[in-house]
C-alpha atoms as a PDB file:
ATOM      1  CA  MET A   1       0.000   0.000   0.000  1.00  0.00           C
ATOM      2  CA  THR A   2       1.404   3.413  -0.941  1.00  0.00           C
ATOM      3  CA  ARG A   3       1.529   6.296   1.523  1.00  0.00           C
ATOM      4  CA  HIS A   4      -1.101   8.053  -0.583  1.00  0.00           C
ATOM      5  CA  GLU A   5      -3.434   5.075  -0.167  1.00  0.00           C
ATOM      6  CA  SER A   6      -2.606   4.936   3.545  1.00  0.00           C
ATOM      7  CA  ARG A   7      -3.549   8.601   3.896  1.00  0.00           C
ATOM      8  CA  GLN A   8      -6.843   7.961   2.109  1.00  0.00           C
ATOM      9  CA  GLU A   9      -7.628   5.104   4.498  1.00  0.00           C
ATOM     10  CA  ALA A  10      -6.664   7.160   7.548  1.00  0.00           C
ATOM     11  CA  PHE A  11      -8.784  10.053   6.268  1.00  0.00           C
ATOM     12  CA  CYS A  12     -11.810   7.751   5.870  1.00  0.00           C
ATOM     13  CA  LEU A  13     -11.377   6.425   9.398  1.00  0.00           C
ATOM     14  CA  LEU A  14     -10.995   9.916  10.863  1.00  0.00           C
ATOM     15  CA  PHE A  15     -13.935  11.192   8.822  1.00  0.00           C
ATOM     16  CA  GLU A  16     -16.079   8.430  10.281  1.00  0.00           C
ATOM     17  CA  LYS A  17     -14.883   9.431  13.749  1.00  0.00           C
ATOM     18  CA  THR A  18     -16.287  12.942  13.245  1.00  0.00           C
ATOM     19  CA  PHE A  19     -19.757  11.381  13.041  1.00  0.00           C
ATOM     20  CA  THR A  20     -19.557   8.563  15.575  1.00  0.00           C
ATOM     21  CA  ASN A  21     -16.937   9.806  18.048  1.00  0.00           C
ATOM     22  CA  GLN A  22     -16.059   6.145  18.640  1.00  0.00           C
ATOM     23  CA  PRO A  23     -12.488   5.201  19.544  1.00  0.00           C
ATOM     24  CA  ILE A  24     -10.416   4.837  16.389  1.00  0.00           C
ATOM     25  CA  ASP A  25      -9.614   1.211  17.306  1.00  0.00           C
ATOM     26  CA  ASP A  26     -13.333   0.389  17.188  1.00  0.00           C
ATOM     27  CA  ILE A  27     -13.709   2.143  13.836  1.00  0.00           C
ATOM     28  CA  ILE A  28     -10.720   0.234  12.443  1.00  0.00           C
ATOM     29  CA  GLU A  29     -12.113  -3.053  13.738  1.00  0.00           C
ATOM     30  CA  GLY A  30     -15.479  -2.358  12.116  1.00  0.00           C
ATOM     31  CA  ALA A  31     -13.859  -1.337   8.844  1.00  0.00           C
ATOM     32  CA  THR A  32     -11.694  -4.454   8.676  1.00  0.00           C
ATOM     33  CA  GLU A  33     -14.742  -6.646   9.281  1.00  0.00           C
ATOM     34  CA  THR A  34     -17.213  -4.930   6.947  1.00  0.00           C
ATOM     35  CA  ARG A  35     -15.054  -3.848   4.047  1.00  0.00           C
ATOM     36  CA  ASP A  36     -12.041  -6.096   4.395  1.00  0.00           C
ATOM     37  CA  LEU A  37      -9.752  -3.138   5.107  1.00  0.00           C
ATOM     38  CA  GLN A  38      -6.044  -3.916   5.159  1.00  0.00           C
ATOM     39  CA  VAL A  39      -4.532  -1.362   7.518  1.00  0.00           C
ATOM     40  CA  SER A  40      -0.919  -0.316   6.934  1.00  0.00           C
ATOM     41  CA  GLU A  41       1.414   0.877   9.677  1.00  0.00           C
ATOM     42  CA  PHE A  42       1.314   4.381   8.206  1.00  0.00           C
ATOM     43  CA  THR A  43      -2.504   4.376   8.291  1.00  0.00           C
ATOM     44  CA  LEU A  44      -2.382   3.337  11.945  1.00  0.00           C
ATOM     45  CA  THR A  45       0.201   6.002  12.756  1.00  0.00           C
ATOM     46  CA  LEU A  46      -1.918   8.738  11.181  1.00  0.00           C
ATOM     47  CA  ALA A  47      -5.289   7.610  12.531  1.00  0.00           C
ATOM     48  CA  LYS A  48      -4.210   6.749  16.067  1.00  0.00           C
ATOM     49  CA  GLY A  49      -1.825   9.685  16.361  1.00  0.00           C
ATOM     50  CA  THR A  50      -4.466  12.134  15.202  1.00  0.00           C
ATOM     51  CA  GLU A  51      -6.941  10.734  17.718  1.00  0.00           C
ATOM     52  CA  GLU A  52      -4.365  10.868  20.514  1.00  0.00           C
ATOM     53  CA  HIS A  53      -3.564  14.543  19.857  1.00  0.00           C
ATOM     54  CA  LEU A  54      -7.058  15.654  18.797  1.00  0.00           C
ATOM     55  CA  ALA A  55      -7.506  18.504  21.297  1.00  0.00           C
ATOM     56  CA  GLU A  56      -4.036  19.868  20.592  1.00  0.00           C
ATOM     57  CA  LEU A  57      -4.542  19.629  16.814  1.00  0.00           C
ATOM     58  CA  ASP A  58      -7.943  21.340  17.003  1.00  0.00           C
ATOM     59  CA  ALA A  59      -6.407  24.196  19.006  1.00  0.00           C
ATOM     60  CA  LEU A  60      -3.589  24.506  16.467  1.00  0.00           C
ATOM     61  CA  ILE A  61      -5.999  24.546  13.527  1.00  0.00           C
ATOM     62  CA  GLU A  62      -8.330  27.008  15.226  1.00  0.00           C
ATOM     63  CA  SER A  63      -5.415  29.360  15.938  1.00  0.00           C
ATOM     64  CA  LYS A  64      -4.865  29.646  12.166  1.00  0.00           C
ATOM     65  CA  LEU A  65      -8.490  30.404  11.260  1.00  0.00           C
ATOM     66  CA  LYS A  66      -9.362  33.997  10.486  1.00  0.00           C
ATOM     67  CA  ASN A  67     -12.967  34.907  11.299  1.00  0.00           C
ATOM     68  CA  TRP A  68     -13.879  31.220  11.421  1.00  0.00           C
ATOM     69  CA  LYS A  69     -14.658  28.735  14.151  1.00  0.00           C
ATOM     70  CA  LEU A  70     -13.712  25.074  14.051  1.00  0.00           C
ATOM     71  CA  SER A  71     -17.406  24.180  14.119  1.00  0.00           C
ATOM     72  CA  ARG A  72     -17.944  25.932  10.757  1.00  0.00           C
ATOM     73  CA  ILE A  73     -15.430  23.767   8.906  1.00  0.00           C
ATOM     74  CA  SER A  74     -16.924  20.891   6.914  1.00  0.00           C
ATOM     75  CA  LYS A  75     -16.353  17.467   8.431  1.00  0.00           C
ATOM     76  CA  VAL A  76     -14.381  16.440   5.344  1.00  0.00           C
ATOM     77  CA  SER A  77     -12.007  19.400   5.577  1.00  0.00           C
ATOM     78  CA  LEU A  78     -11.714  19.034   9.334  1.00  0.00           C
ATOM     79  CA  ALA A  79     -10.691  15.376   9.070  1.00  0.00           C
ATOM     80  CA  ILE A  80      -8.111  16.275   6.411  1.00  0.00           C
ATOM     81  CA  LEU A  81      -6.760  19.215   8.430  1.00  0.00           C
ATOM     82  CA  ARG A  82      -6.479  17.182  11.623  1.00  0.00           C
ATOM     83  CA  MET A  83      -4.620  14.359   9.921  1.00  0.00           C
ATOM     84  CA  ALA A  84      -2.276  16.677   8.011  1.00  0.00           C
ATOM     85  CA  ALA A  85      -1.594  18.810  11.098  1.00  0.00           C
ATOM     86  CA  PHE A  86      -0.655  15.628  12.961  1.00  0.00           C
ATOM     87  CA  GLU A  87       1.626  14.596  10.116  1.00  0.00           C
ATOM     88  CA  LEU A  88       3.263  18.041  10.027  1.00  0.00           C
ATOM     89  CA  GLN A  89       3.895  17.995  13.765  1.00  0.00           C
ATOM     90  CA  TYR A  90       4.787  14.362  14.454  1.00  0.00           C
ATOM     91  CA  VAL A  91       5.920  12.533  11.305  1.00  0.00           C
ATOM     92  CA  ALA A  92       9.483  13.652  10.783  1.00  0.00           C
ATOM     93  CA  ASP A  93      10.332  11.601   7.691  1.00  0.00           C
ATOM     94  CA  VAL A  94       7.773  13.303   5.428  1.00  0.00           C
ATOM     95  CA  PRO A  95       8.595  16.737   3.969  1.00  0.00           C
ATOM     96  CA  MET A  96       6.053  19.428   4.857  1.00  0.00           C
ATOM     97  CA  SER A  97       5.398  20.148   1.191  1.00  0.00           C
ATOM     98  CA  VAL A  98       4.442  16.505   0.595  1.00  0.00           C
ATOM     99  CA  THR A  99       2.055  16.490   3.554  1.00  0.00           C
ATOM    100  CA  ILE A 100       0.376  19.697   2.388  1.00  0.00           C
ATOM    101  CA  ASN A 101       0.162  18.522  -1.233  1.00  0.00           C
ATOM    102  CA  GLU A 102      -1.391  15.206  -0.179  1.00  0.00           C
ATOM    103  CA  ALA A 103      -3.951  17.017   1.993  1.00  0.00           C
ATOM    104  CA  VAL A 104      -4.849  19.365  -0.860  1.00  0.00           C
ATOM    105  CA  GLU A 105      -5.310  16.384  -3.176  1.00  0.00           C
ATOM    106  CA  LEU A 106      -7.605  14.708  -0.638  1.00  0.00           C
ATOM    107  CA  ALA A 107      -9.604  17.938  -0.380  1.00  0.00           C
ATOM    108  CA  LYS A 108      -9.891  18.144  -4.157  1.00  0.00           C
ATOM    109  CA  GLN A 109     -11.135  14.572  -4.267  1.00  0.00           C
ATOM    110  CA  TYR A 110     -13.498  14.502  -1.280  1.00  0.00           C
ATOM    111  CA  ALA A 111     -14.391  18.058  -0.250  1.00  0.00           C
ATOM    112  CA  SER A 112     -16.401  20.860  -1.816  1.00  0.00           C
ATOM    113  CA  GLU A 113     -15.059  22.733  -4.809  1.00  0.00           C
ATOM    114  CA  ASP A 114     -13.068  25.467  -3.044  1.00  0.00           C
ATOM    115  CA  ASP A 115     -12.138  23.622   0.145  1.00  0.00           C
ATOM    116  CA  TYR A 116      -8.714  22.656  -1.176  1.00  0.00           C
ATOM    117  CA  ALA A 117      -7.614  26.320  -1.123  1.00  0.00           C
ATOM    118  CA  PHE A 118      -8.828  26.650   2.468  1.00  0.00           C
ATOM    119  CA  VAL A 119      -6.984  23.479   3.494  1.00  0.00           C
ATOM    120  CA  ASN A 120      -3.846  24.700   1.728  1.00  0.00           C
ATOM    121  CA  GLY A 121      -3.997  28.079   3.500  1.00  0.00           C
ATOM    122  CA  VAL A 122      -4.472  26.655   6.993  1.00  0.00           C
ATOM    123  CA  LEU A 123      -1.746  24.053   6.558  1.00  0.00           C
ATOM    124  CA  GLY A 124       0.585  26.629   5.036  1.00  0.00           C
ATOM    125  CA  ALA A 125       0.151  28.801   8.136  1.00  0.00           C
ATOM    126  CA  ILE A 126       0.848  25.813  10.408  1.00  0.00           C
ATOM    127  CA  ALA A 127       3.947  24.851   8.408  1.00  0.00           C
ATOM    128  CA  LYS A 128       5.217  28.434   8.435  1.00  0.00           C
ATOM    129  CA  GLU A 129       4.871  28.644  12.225  1.00  0.00           C
ATOM    130  CA  TYR A 130       6.506  25.242  12.664  1.00  0.00           C
ATOM    131  CA  HIS A 131       9.402  26.262  10.406  1.00  0.00           C
ATOM    132  CA  LEU A 132       9.925  29.549  12.278  1.00  0.00           C
ATOM    133  CA  GLU A 133       9.827  27.825  15.673  1.00  0.00           C
ATOM    134  CA  ASN A 134      12.402  25.253  14.596  1.00  0.00           C
ATOM    135  CA  LYS A 135      14.615  27.856  12.969  1.00  0.00           C
ATOM    136  CA  THR A 136      14.658  30.082  16.039  1.00  0.00           C
ATOM    137  CA  GLY A 137      15.034  27.059  18.319  1.00  0.00           C
ATOM    138  CA  LYS A 138      18.266  26.040  16.579  1.00  0.00           C
ATOM    139  CA  GLU A 139      19.900  29.434  16.651  1.00  0.00           C
END
């Protein structure tokens, strides 16, 4: 399974979580039983890590919204943003540009017509802050 496919699977699991609020392990178990899902390690890392850091990720995303509240974001975009924000913060072996590009592609595929630009803007702001923090932390 490619990382792109793993991200799609993790997105689907996290999207389902926005409706059910079940533990991600229960959602994964249900998905493997009903649709014969084969879960990769990368899918597990993204889905479980996002769930584990959900409050922190929501606060990070909300801090980058201008005149918006988290509750106004579509569930599709929110699931994508949460997963990508987790990947930006905690998955060191993936370049930020790849994470953002993958999230934008997911938004183009699954979200409303203009949501990809919104996702790109929020993630760009997160990446910029992360880059500045790391740059000043090293000096």
